[in-house]
Amino acid sequence: TPGDAAGIVDAAIDRWVWYSGWSDKIAQVHGGANPVAGPY
């Protein structure tokens, strides 16, 4: 139905927004300095 389809389209738009917010955060969450034994 048009109403159900509208809900899916809205979710697709929101998903683009959600991923756009991760662009400059994913490296902070899954990267960083590692503890090592030595002067490095």
PDB file of all heavy atoms in Angstrom:
ATOM      1  N   THR A   1       0.848  -1.179   0.000  1.00  0.00           N
ATOM      2  CA  THR A   1       0.000   0.000   0.000  1.00  0.00           C
ATOM      3  C   THR A   1       0.887   1.234   0.000  1.00  0.00           C
ATOM      4  O   THR A   1       2.050   1.170   0.437  1.00  0.00           O
ATOM      5  CB  THR A   1      -0.901   0.036   1.244  1.00  0.00           C
ATOM      6  OG1 THR A   1      -0.068   0.189   2.413  1.00  0.00           O
ATOM      7  CG2 THR A   1      -1.737  -1.234   1.366  1.00  0.00           C
ATOM      8  N   PRO A   2       0.387   2.364  -0.476  1.00  0.00           N
ATOM      9  CA  PRO A   2       1.209   3.579  -0.447  1.00  0.00           C
ATOM     10  C   PRO A   2       1.708   3.926   0.954  1.00  0.00           C
ATOM     11  O   PRO A   2       2.846   4.405   1.102  1.00  0.00           O
ATOM     12  CB  PRO A   2       0.257   4.649  -0.990  1.00  0.00           C
ATOM     13  CG  PRO A   2      -0.669   3.889  -1.891  1.00  0.00           C
ATOM     14  CD  PRO A   2      -0.879   2.569  -1.215  1.00  0.00           C
ATOM     15  N   GLY A   3       0.908   3.669   1.965  1.00  0.00           N
ATOM     16  CA  GLY A   3       1.332   3.963   3.335  1.00  0.00           C
ATOM     17  C   GLY A   3       2.505   3.102   3.768  1.00  0.00           C
ATOM     18  O   GLY A   3       3.472   3.602   4.353  1.00  0.00           O
ATOM     19  N   ASP A   4       2.430   1.793   3.466  1.00  0.00           N
ATOM     20  CA  ASP A   4       3.531   0.892   3.826  1.00  0.00           C
ATOM     21  C   ASP A   4       4.792   1.226   3.025  1.00  0.00           C
ATOM     22  O   ASP A   4       5.906   1.182   3.542  1.00  0.00           O
ATOM     23  CB  ASP A   4       3.132  -0.555   3.590  1.00  0.00           C
ATOM     24  CG  ASP A   4       2.105  -1.051   4.597  1.00  0.00           C
ATOM     25  OD1 ASP A   4       1.968  -0.406   5.666  1.00  0.00           O
ATOM     26  OD2 ASP A   4       1.440  -2.060   4.311  1.00  0.00           O
ATOM     27  N   ALA A   5       4.594   1.541   1.741  1.00  0.00           N
ATOM     28  CA  ALA A   5       5.739   1.900   0.905  1.00  0.00           C
ATOM     29  C   ALA A   5       6.396   3.182   1.408  1.00  0.00           C
ATOM     30  O   ALA A   5       7.627   3.306   1.399  1.00  0.00           O
ATOM     31  CB  ALA A   5       5.306   2.064  -0.548  1.00  0.00           C
ATOM     32  N   ALA A   6       5.593   4.135   1.877  1.00  0.00           N
ATOM     33  CA  ALA A   6       6.138   5.385   2.410  1.00  0.00           C
ATOM     34  C   ALA A   6       7.009   5.119   3.634  1.00  0.00           C
ATOM     35  O   ALA A   6       8.061   5.745   3.811  1.00  0.00           O
ATOM     36  CB  ALA A   6       5.002   6.341   2.773  1.00  0.00           C
ATOM     37  N   GLY A   7       6.599   4.171   4.470  1.00  0.00           N
ATOM     38  CA  GLY A   7       7.404   3.821   5.634  1.00  0.00           C
ATOM     39  C   GLY A   7       8.753   3.250   5.240  1.00  0.00           C
ATOM     40  O   GLY A   7       9.782   3.555   5.868  1.00  0.00           O
ATOM     41  N   ILE A   8       8.788   2.446   4.173  1.00  0.00           N
ATOM     42  CA  ILE A   8      10.042   1.869   3.706  1.00  0.00           C
ATOM     43  C   ILE A   8      10.947   2.943   3.116  1.00  0.00           C
ATOM     44  O   ILE A   8      12.160   2.967   3.353  1.00  0.00           O
ATOM     45  CB  ILE A   8       9.756   0.765   2.675  1.00  0.00           C
ATOM     46  CG1 ILE A   8       9.176  -0.456   3.391  1.00  0.00           C
ATOM     47  CG2 ILE A   8      11.003   0.383   1.898  1.00  0.00           C
ATOM     48  CD1 ILE A   8       8.762  -1.581   2.478  1.00  0.00           C
ATOM     49  N   VAL A   9      10.368   3.844   2.334  1.00  0.00           N
ATOM     50  CA  VAL A   9      11.163   4.928   1.746  1.00  0.00           C
ATOM     51  C   VAL A   9      11.750   5.815   2.843  1.00  0.00           C
ATOM     52  O   VAL A   9      12.924   6.199   2.794  1.00  0.00           O
ATOM     53  CB  VAL A   9      10.312   5.751   0.766  1.00  0.00           C
ATOM     54  CG1 VAL A   9      11.091   6.978   0.290  1.00  0.00           C
ATOM     55  CG2 VAL A   9       9.904   4.892  -0.429  1.00  0.00           C
ATOM     56  N   ASP A  10      10.960   6.124   3.845  1.00  0.00           N
ATOM     57  CA  ASP A  10      11.459   6.940   4.960  1.00  0.00           C
ATOM     58  C   ASP A  10      12.606   6.232   5.677  1.00  0.00           C
ATOM     59  O   ASP A  10      13.601   6.865   6.063  1.00  0.00           O
ATOM     60  CB  ASP A  10      10.328   7.240   5.949  1.00  0.00           C
ATOM     61  CG  ASP A  10       9.299   8.211   5.384  1.00  0.00           C
ATOM     62  OD1 ASP A  10       9.598   8.885   4.383  1.00  0.00           O
ATOM     63  OD2 ASP A  10       8.187   8.281   5.938  1.00  0.00           O
ATOM     64  N   ALA A  11      12.463   4.920   5.850  1.00  0.00           N
ATOM     65  CA  ALA A  11      13.540   4.157   6.504  1.00  0.00           C
ATOM     66  C   ALA A  11      14.810   4.172   5.657  1.00  0.00           C
ATOM     67  O   ALA A  11      15.928   4.246   6.190  1.00  0.00           O
ATOM     68  CB  ALA A  11      13.080   2.723   6.749  1.00  0.00           C
ATOM     69  N   ALA A  12      14.665   4.118   4.326  1.00  0.00           N
ATOM     70  CA  ALA A  12      15.829   4.158   3.436  1.00  0.00           C
ATOM     71  C   ALA A  12      16.525   5.514   3.522  1.00  0.00           C
ATOM     72  O   ALA A  12      17.763   5.590   3.543  1.00  0.00           O
ATOM     73  CB  ALA A  12      15.399   3.869   1.998  1.00  0.00           C
ATOM     74  N   ILE A  13      15.756   6.582   3.576  1.00  0.00           N
ATOM     75  CA  ILE A  13      16.331   7.923   3.711  1.00  0.00           C
ATOM     76  C   ILE A  13      17.069   8.045   5.041  1.00  0.00           C
ATOM     77  O   ILE A  13      18.205   8.536   5.114  1.00  0.00           O
ATOM     78  CB  ILE A  13      15.229   8.989   3.606  1.00  0.00           C
ATOM     79  CG1 ILE A  13      14.601   8.967   2.207  1.00  0.00           C
ATOM     80  CG2 ILE A  13      15.782  10.379   3.916  1.00  0.00           C
ATOM     81  CD1 ILE A  13      13.333   9.787   2.093  1.00  0.00           C
ATOM     82  N   ASP A  14      16.422   7.575   6.111  1.00  0.00           N
ATOM     83  CA  ASP A  14      17.046   7.638   7.437  1.00  0.00           C
ATOM     84  C   ASP A  14      18.330   6.816   7.492  1.00  0.00           C
ATOM     85  O   ASP A  14      19.277   7.172   8.209  1.00  0.00           O
ATOM     86  CB  ASP A  14      16.068   7.149   8.508  1.00  0.00           C
ATOM     87  CG  ASP A  14      14.869   8.074   8.675  1.00  0.00           C
ATOM     88  OD1 ASP A  14      14.914   9.212   8.172  1.00  0.00           O
ATOM     89  OD2 ASP A  14      13.866   7.643   9.293  1.00  0.00           O
ATOM     90  N   ARG A  15      18.356   5.720   6.738  1.00  0.00           N
ATOM     91  CA  ARG A  15      19.559   4.878   6.752  1.00  0.00           C
ATOM     92  C   ARG A  15      20.732   5.589   6.113  1.00  0.00           C
ATOM     93  O   ARG A  15      21.868   5.467   6.568  1.00  0.00           O
ATOM     94  CB  ARG A  15      19.282   3.548   6.056  1.00  0.00           C
ATOM     95  CG  ARG A  15      20.429   2.565   6.189  1.00  0.00           C
ATOM     96  CD  ARG A  15      19.936   1.180   6.470  1.00  0.00           C
ATOM     97  NE  ARG A  15      19.147   1.100   7.674  1.00  0.00           N
ATOM     98  CZ  ARG A  15      18.425   0.021   8.013  1.00  0.00           C
ATOM     99  NH1 ARG A  15      18.409  -1.031   7.226  1.00  0.00           N
ATOM    100  NH2 ARG A  15      17.727   0.018   9.141  1.00  0.00           N
ATOM    101  N   TRP A  16      20.508   6.341   5.025  1.00  0.00           N
ATOM    102  CA  TRP A  16      21.585   7.145   4.447  1.00  0.00           C
ATOM    103  C   TRP A  16      22.123   8.123   5.485  1.00  0.00           C
ATOM    104  O   TRP A  16      23.344   8.313   5.612  1.00  0.00           O
ATOM    105  CB  TRP A  16      21.079   7.933   3.238  1.00  0.00           C
ATOM    106  CG  TRP A  16      21.069   7.190   1.940  1.00  0.00           C
ATOM    107  CD1 TRP A  16      19.966   6.829   1.231  1.00  0.00           C
ATOM    108  CD2 TRP A  16      22.191   6.719   1.185  1.00  0.00           C
ATOM    109  NE1 TRP A  16      20.339   6.168   0.086  1.00  0.00           N
ATOM    110  CE2 TRP A  16      21.701   6.088   0.029  1.00  0.00           C
ATOM    111  CE3 TRP A  16      23.574   6.781   1.381  1.00  0.00           C
ATOM    112  CZ2 TRP A  16      22.534   5.530  -0.931  1.00  0.00           C
ATOM    113  CZ3 TRP A  16      24.411   6.212   0.426  1.00  0.00           C
ATOM    114  CH2 TRP A  16      23.896   5.599  -0.707  1.00  0.00           C
ATOM    115  N   VAL A  17      21.229   8.757   6.231  1.00  0.00           N
ATOM    116  CA  VAL A  17      21.647   9.722   7.249  1.00  0.00           C
ATOM    117  C   VAL A  17      22.471   9.009   8.328  1.00  0.00           C
ATOM    118  O   VAL A  17      23.508   9.509   8.782  1.00  0.00           O
ATOM    119  CB  VAL A  17      20.428  10.425   7.869  1.00  0.00           C
ATOM    120  CG1 VAL A  17      20.852  11.325   9.027  1.00  0.00           C
ATOM    121  CG2 VAL A  17      19.691  11.245   6.807  1.00  0.00           C
ATOM    122  N   TRP A  18      22.014   7.839   8.737  1.00  0.00           N
ATOM    123  CA  TRP A  18      22.701   7.080   9.794  1.00  0.00           C
ATOM    124  C   TRP A  18      24.121   6.733   9.357  1.00  0.00           C
ATOM    125  O   TRP A  18      25.082   6.937  10.111  1.00  0.00           O
ATOM    126  CB  TRP A  18      21.907   5.808  10.103  1.00  0.00           C
ATOM    127  CG  TRP A  18      22.385   5.050  11.302  1.00  0.00           C
ATOM    128  CD1 TRP A  18      22.084   5.298  12.610  1.00  0.00           C
ATOM    129  CD2 TRP A  18      23.249   3.897  11.314  1.00  0.00           C
ATOM    130  NE1 TRP A  18      22.701   4.376  13.429  1.00  0.00           N
ATOM    131  CE2 TRP A  18      23.418   3.514  12.661  1.00  0.00           C
ATOM    132  CE3 TRP A  18      23.882   3.170  10.314  1.00  0.00           C
ATOM    133  CZ2 TRP A  18      24.202   2.418  13.030  1.00  0.00           C
ATOM    134  CZ3 TRP A  18      24.670   2.082  10.680  1.00  0.00           C
ATOM    135  CH2 TRP A  18      24.818   1.713  12.030  1.00  0.00           C
ATOM    136  N   TYR A  19      24.273   6.218   8.146  1.00  0.00           N
ATOM    137  CA  TYR A  19      25.609   5.869   7.670  1.00  0.00           C
ATOM    138  C   TYR A  19      26.470   7.104   7.451  1.00  0.00           C
ATOM    139  O   TYR A  19      27.689   7.064   7.658  1.00  0.00           O
ATOM    140  CB  TYR A  19      25.527   5.038   6.395  1.00  0.00           C
ATOM    141  CG  TYR A  19      25.317   3.561   6.661  1.00  0.00           C
ATOM    142  CD1 TYR A  19      24.145   2.923   6.297  1.00  0.00           C
ATOM    143  CD2 TYR A  19      26.303   2.807   7.299  1.00  0.00           C
ATOM    144  CE1 TYR A  19      23.946   1.567   6.546  1.00  0.00           C
ATOM    145  CE2 TYR A  19      26.123   1.459   7.559  1.00  0.00           C
ATOM    146  CZ  TYR A  19      24.944   0.850   7.180  1.00  0.00           C
ATOM    147  OH  TYR A  19      24.759  -0.488   7.444  1.00  0.00           O
ATOM    148  N   SER A  20      25.867   8.210   7.034  1.00  0.00           N
ATOM    149  CA  SER A  20      26.663   9.431   6.841  1.00  0.00           C
ATOM    150  C   SER A  20      27.326   9.858   8.137  1.00  0.00           C
ATOM    151  O   SER A  20      28.443  10.376   8.141  1.00  0.00           O
ATOM    152  CB  SER A  20      25.787  10.561   6.283  1.00  0.00           C
ATOM    153  OG  SER A  20      24.909  11.072   7.268  1.00  0.00           O
ATOM    154  N   GLY A  21      26.648   9.626   9.258  1.00  0.00           N
ATOM    155  CA  GLY A  21      27.209   9.990  10.546  1.00  0.00           C
ATOM    156  C   GLY A  21      28.385   9.123  10.966  1.00  0.00           C
ATOM    157  O   GLY A  21      29.205   9.539  11.795  1.00  0.00           O
ATOM    158  N   TRP A  22      28.503   7.917  10.394  1.00  0.00           N
ATOM    159  CA  TRP A  22      29.599   7.014  10.753  1.00  0.00           C
ATOM    160  C   TRP A  22      30.881   7.291   9.970  1.00  0.00           C
ATOM    161  O   TRP A  22      31.940   6.748  10.283  1.00  0.00           O
ATOM    162  CB  TRP A  22      29.179   5.551  10.533  1.00  0.00           C
ATOM    163  CG  TRP A  22      28.472   4.981  11.711  1.00  0.00           C
ATOM    164  CD1 TRP A  22      27.134   4.758  11.854  1.00  0.00           C
ATOM    165  CD2 TRP A  22      29.076   4.568  12.944  1.00  0.00           C
ATOM    166  NE1 TRP A  22      26.861   4.235  13.091  1.00  0.00           N
ATOM    167  CE2 TRP A  22      28.035   4.106  13.786  1.00  0.00           C
ATOM    168  CE3 TRP A  22      30.390   4.553  13.427  1.00  0.00           C
ATOM    169  CZ2 TRP A  22      28.279   3.625  15.068  1.00  0.00           C
ATOM    170  CZ3 TRP A  22      30.635   4.079  14.700  1.00  0.00           C
ATOM    171  CH2 TRP A  22      29.588   3.628  15.507  1.00  0.00           C
ATOM    172  N   SER A  23      30.816   8.135   8.957  1.00  0.00           N
ATOM    173  CA  SER A  23      31.962   8.312   8.068  1.00  0.00           C
ATOM    174  C   SER A  23      33.228   8.728   8.803  1.00  0.00           C
ATOM    175  O   SER A  23      34.317   8.228   8.516  1.00  0.00           O
ATOM    176  CB  SER A  23      31.626   9.338   6.981  1.00  0.00           C
ATOM    177  OG  SER A  23      31.385  10.611   7.560  1.00  0.00           O
ATOM    178  N   ASP A  24      33.113   9.643   9.766  1.00  0.00           N
ATOM    179  CA  ASP A  24      34.300  10.110  10.482  1.00  0.00           C
ATOM    180  C   ASP A  24      34.394   9.552  11.900  1.00  0.00           C
ATOM    181  O   ASP A  24      35.132  10.065  12.727  1.00  0.00           O
ATOM    182  CB  ASP A  24      34.333  11.643  10.517  1.00  0.00           C
ATOM    183  CG  ASP A  24      33.093  12.253  11.160  1.00  0.00           C
ATOM    184  OD1 ASP A  24      32.169  11.492  11.539  1.00  0.00           O
ATOM    185  OD2 ASP A  24      33.039  13.491  11.274  1.00  0.00           O
ATOM    186  N   LYS A  25      33.657   8.478  12.149  1.00  0.00           N
ATOM    187  CA  LYS A  25      33.684   7.860  13.485  1.00  0.00           C
ATOM    188  C   LYS A  25      34.164   6.421  13.479  1.00  0.00           C
ATOM    189  O   LYS A  25      34.640   5.913  14.495  1.00  0.00           O
ATOM    190  CB  LYS A  25      32.291   7.945  14.122  1.00  0.00           C
ATOM    191  CG  LYS A  25      31.792   9.368  14.291  1.00  0.00           C
ATOM    192  CD  LYS A  25      30.375   9.412  14.803  1.00  0.00           C
ATOM    193  CE  LYS A  25      29.867  10.847  14.891  1.00  0.00           C
ATOM    194  NZ  LYS A  25      29.762  11.509  13.564  1.00  0.00           N
ATOM    195  N   ILE A  26      34.028   5.743  12.332  1.00  0.00           N
ATOM    196  CA  ILE A  26      34.367   4.320  12.307  1.00  0.00           C
ATOM    197  C   ILE A  26      35.843   4.098  12.613  1.00  0.00           C
ATOM    198  O   ILE A  26      36.214   3.124  13.287  1.00  0.00           O
ATOM    199  CB  ILE A  26      33.972   3.706  10.942  1.00  0.00           C
ATOM    200  CG1 ILE A  26      34.059   2.194  10.991  1.00  0.00           C
ATOM    201  CG2 ILE A  26      34.812   4.278   9.804  1.00  0.00           C
ATOM    202  CD1 ILE A  26      32.988   1.541  11.813  1.00  0.00           C
ATOM    203  N   ALA A  27      36.728   5.002  12.195  1.00  0.00           N
ATOM    204  CA  ALA A  27      38.152   4.838  12.469  1.00  0.00           C
ATOM    205  C   ALA A  27      38.452   5.013  13.951  1.00  0.00           C
ATOM    206  O   ALA A  27      39.388   4.403  14.483  1.00  0.00           O
ATOM    207  CB  ALA A  27      38.966   5.836  11.652  1.00  0.00           C
ATOM    208  N   GLN A  28      37.661   5.854  14.619  1.00  0.00           N
ATOM    209  CA  GLN A  28      37.874   6.053  16.053  1.00  0.00           C
ATOM    210  C   GLN A  28      37.421   4.837  16.852  1.00  0.00           C
ATOM    211  O   GLN A  28      38.034   4.468  17.853  1.00  0.00           O
ATOM    212  CB  GLN A  28      37.095   7.284  16.513  1.00  0.00           C
ATOM    213  CG  GLN A  28      37.511   8.575  15.815  1.00  0.00           C
ATOM    214  CD  GLN A  28      36.604   9.731  16.186  1.00  0.00           C
ATOM    215  OE1 GLN A  28      36.419  10.018  17.368  1.00  0.00           O
ATOM    216  NE2 GLN A  28      36.039  10.386  15.185  1.00  0.00           N
ATOM    217  N   VAL A  29      36.333   4.206  16.381  1.00  0.00           N
ATOM    218  CA  VAL A  29      35.781   3.048  17.102  1.00  0.00           C
ATOM    219  C   VAL A  29      36.596   1.788  16.841  1.00  0.00           C
ATOM    220  O   VAL A  29      36.814   0.976  17.737  1.00  0.00           O
ATOM    221  CB  VAL A  29      34.307   2.839  16.700  1.00  0.00           C
ATOM    222  CG1 VAL A  29      33.740   1.563  17.322  1.00  0.00           C
ATOM    223  CG2 VAL A  29      33.461   4.042  17.122  1.00  0.00           C
ATOM    224  N   HIS A  30      37.078   1.630  15.593  1.00  0.00           N
ATOM    225  CA  HIS A  30      37.790   0.402  15.237  1.00  0.00           C
ATOM    226  C   HIS A  30      39.221   0.666  14.796  1.00  0.00           C
ATOM    227  O   HIS A  30      39.760  -0.016  13.928  1.00  0.00           O
ATOM    228  CB  HIS A  30      37.014  -0.356  14.162  1.00  0.00           C
ATOM    229  CG  HIS A  30      35.800  -1.032  14.716  1.00  0.00           C
ATOM    230  ND1 HIS A  30      35.832  -2.274  15.291  1.00  0.00           N
ATOM    231  CD2 HIS A  30      34.527  -0.600  14.823  1.00  0.00           C
ATOM    232  CE1 HIS A  30      34.627  -2.598  15.715  1.00  0.00           C
ATOM    233  NE2 HIS A  30      33.813  -1.598  15.439  1.00  0.00           N
ATOM    234  N   GLY A  31      39.840   1.632  15.383  1.00  0.00           N
ATOM    235  CA  GLY A  31      41.249   1.908  15.170  1.00  0.00           C
ATOM    236  C   GLY A  31      41.805   2.553  16.420  1.00  0.00           C
ATOM    237  O   GLY A  31      41.092   2.783  17.385  1.00  0.00           O
ATOM    238  N   GLY A  32      43.095   2.847  16.421  1.00  0.00           N
ATOM    239  CA  GLY A  32      43.680   3.514  17.576  1.00  0.00           C
ATOM    240  C   GLY A  32      45.066   2.991  17.893  1.00  0.00           C
ATOM    241  O   GLY A  32      45.646   2.205  17.149  1.00  0.00           O
ATOM    242  N   ALA A  33      45.583   3.437  19.021  1.00  0.00           N
ATOM    243  CA  ALA A  33      46.921   3.035  19.459  1.00  0.00           C
ATOM    244  C   ALA A  33      46.859   1.696  20.175  1.00  0.00           C
ATOM    245  O   ALA A  33      45.951   1.442  20.972  1.00  0.00           O
ATOM    246  CB  ALA A  33      47.497   4.101  20.371  1.00  0.00           C
ATOM    247  N   ASN A  34      47.840   0.833  19.900  1.00  0.00           N
ATOM    248  CA  ASN A  34      47.909  -0.488  20.528  1.00  0.00           C
ATOM    249  C   ASN A  34      49.048  -0.515  21.545  1.00  0.00           C
ATOM    250  O   ASN A  34      50.128   0.027  21.288  1.00  0.00           O
ATOM    251  CB  ASN A  34      48.154  -1.565  19.466  1.00  0.00           C
ATOM    252  CG  ASN A  34      47.139  -1.518  18.342  1.00  0.00           C
ATOM    253  OD1 ASN A  34      45.946  -1.499  18.585  1.00  0.00           O
ATOM    254  ND2 ASN A  34      47.616  -1.493  17.104  1.00  0.00           N
ATOM    255  N   PRO A  35      48.839  -1.145  22.699  1.00  0.00           N
ATOM    256  CA  PRO A  35      49.920  -1.252  23.686  1.00  0.00           C
ATOM    257  C   PRO A  35      50.965  -2.273  23.234  1.00  0.00           C
ATOM    258  O   PRO A  35      50.632  -3.398  22.864  1.00  0.00           O
ATOM    259  CB  PRO A  35      49.187  -1.741  24.949  1.00  0.00           C
ATOM    260  CG  PRO A  35      47.974  -2.451  24.429  1.00  0.00           C
ATOM    261  CD  PRO A  35      47.574  -1.738  23.175  1.00  0.00           C
ATOM    262  N   VAL A  36      52.230  -1.855  23.202  1.00  0.00           N
ATOM    263  CA  VAL A  36      53.314  -2.756  22.790  1.00  0.00           C
ATOM    264  C   VAL A  36      54.466  -2.637  23.786  1.00  0.00           C
ATOM    265  O   VAL A  36      54.619  -1.629  24.467  1.00  0.00           O
ATOM    266  CB  VAL A  36      53.816  -2.417  21.373  1.00  0.00           C
ATOM    267  CG1 VAL A  36      52.751  -2.712  20.336  1.00  0.00           C
ATOM    268  CG2 VAL A  36      54.268  -0.973  21.278  1.00  0.00           C
ATOM    269  N   ALA A  37      55.266  -3.697  23.846  1.00  0.00           N
ATOM    270  CA  ALA A  37      56.425  -3.704  24.748  1.00  0.00           C
ATOM    271  C   ALA A  37      57.642  -3.204  23.977  1.00  0.00           C
ATOM    272  O   ALA A  37      58.272  -3.953  23.239  1.00  0.00           O
ATOM    273  CB  ALA A  37      56.667  -5.111  25.279  1.00  0.00           C
ATOM    274  N   GLY A  38      57.945  -1.947  24.123  1.00  0.00           N
ATOM    275  CA  GLY A  38      59.094  -1.389  23.416  1.00  0.00           C
ATOM    276  C   GLY A  38      58.882   0.084  23.128  1.00  0.00           C
ATOM    277  O   GLY A  38      57.773   0.608  23.278  1.00  0.00           O
ATOM    278  N   PRO A  39      59.912   0.761  22.706  1.00  0.00           N
ATOM    279  CA  PRO A  39      59.839   2.209  22.462  1.00  0.00           C
ATOM    280  C   PRO A  39      59.228   2.523  21.094  1.00  0.00           C
ATOM    281  O   PRO A  39      59.882   3.057  20.202  1.00  0.00           O
ATOM    282  CB  PRO A  39      61.300   2.637  22.548  1.00  0.00           C
ATOM    283  CG  PRO A  39      62.047   1.449  22.037  1.00  0.00           C
ATOM    284  CD  PRO A  39      61.282   0.241  22.517  1.00  0.00           C
ATOM    285  N   TYR A  40      57.984   2.124  20.913  1.00  0.00           N
ATOM    286  CA  TYR A  40      57.320   2.320  19.630  1.00  0.00           C
ATOM    287  C   TYR A  40      55.897   2.844  19.822  1.00  0.00           C
ATOM    288  O   TYR A  40      55.245   2.563  20.827  1.00  0.00           O
ATOM    289  CB  TYR A  40      57.222   0.996  18.847  1.00  0.00           C
ATOM    290  CG  TYR A  40      58.522   0.286  18.659  1.00  0.00           C
ATOM    291  CD1 TYR A  40      58.865  -0.791  19.484  1.00  0.00           C
ATOM    292  CD2 TYR A  40      59.414   0.683  17.672  1.00  0.00           C
ATOM    293  CE1 TYR A  40      60.062  -1.457  19.322  1.00  0.00           C
ATOM    294  CE2 TYR A  40      60.625   0.024  17.501  1.00  0.00           C
ATOM    295  CZ  TYR A  40      60.942  -1.046  18.325  1.00  0.00           C
ATOM    296  OH  TYR A  40      62.137  -1.700  18.163  1.00  0.00           O
TER     297      TYR A  40
END
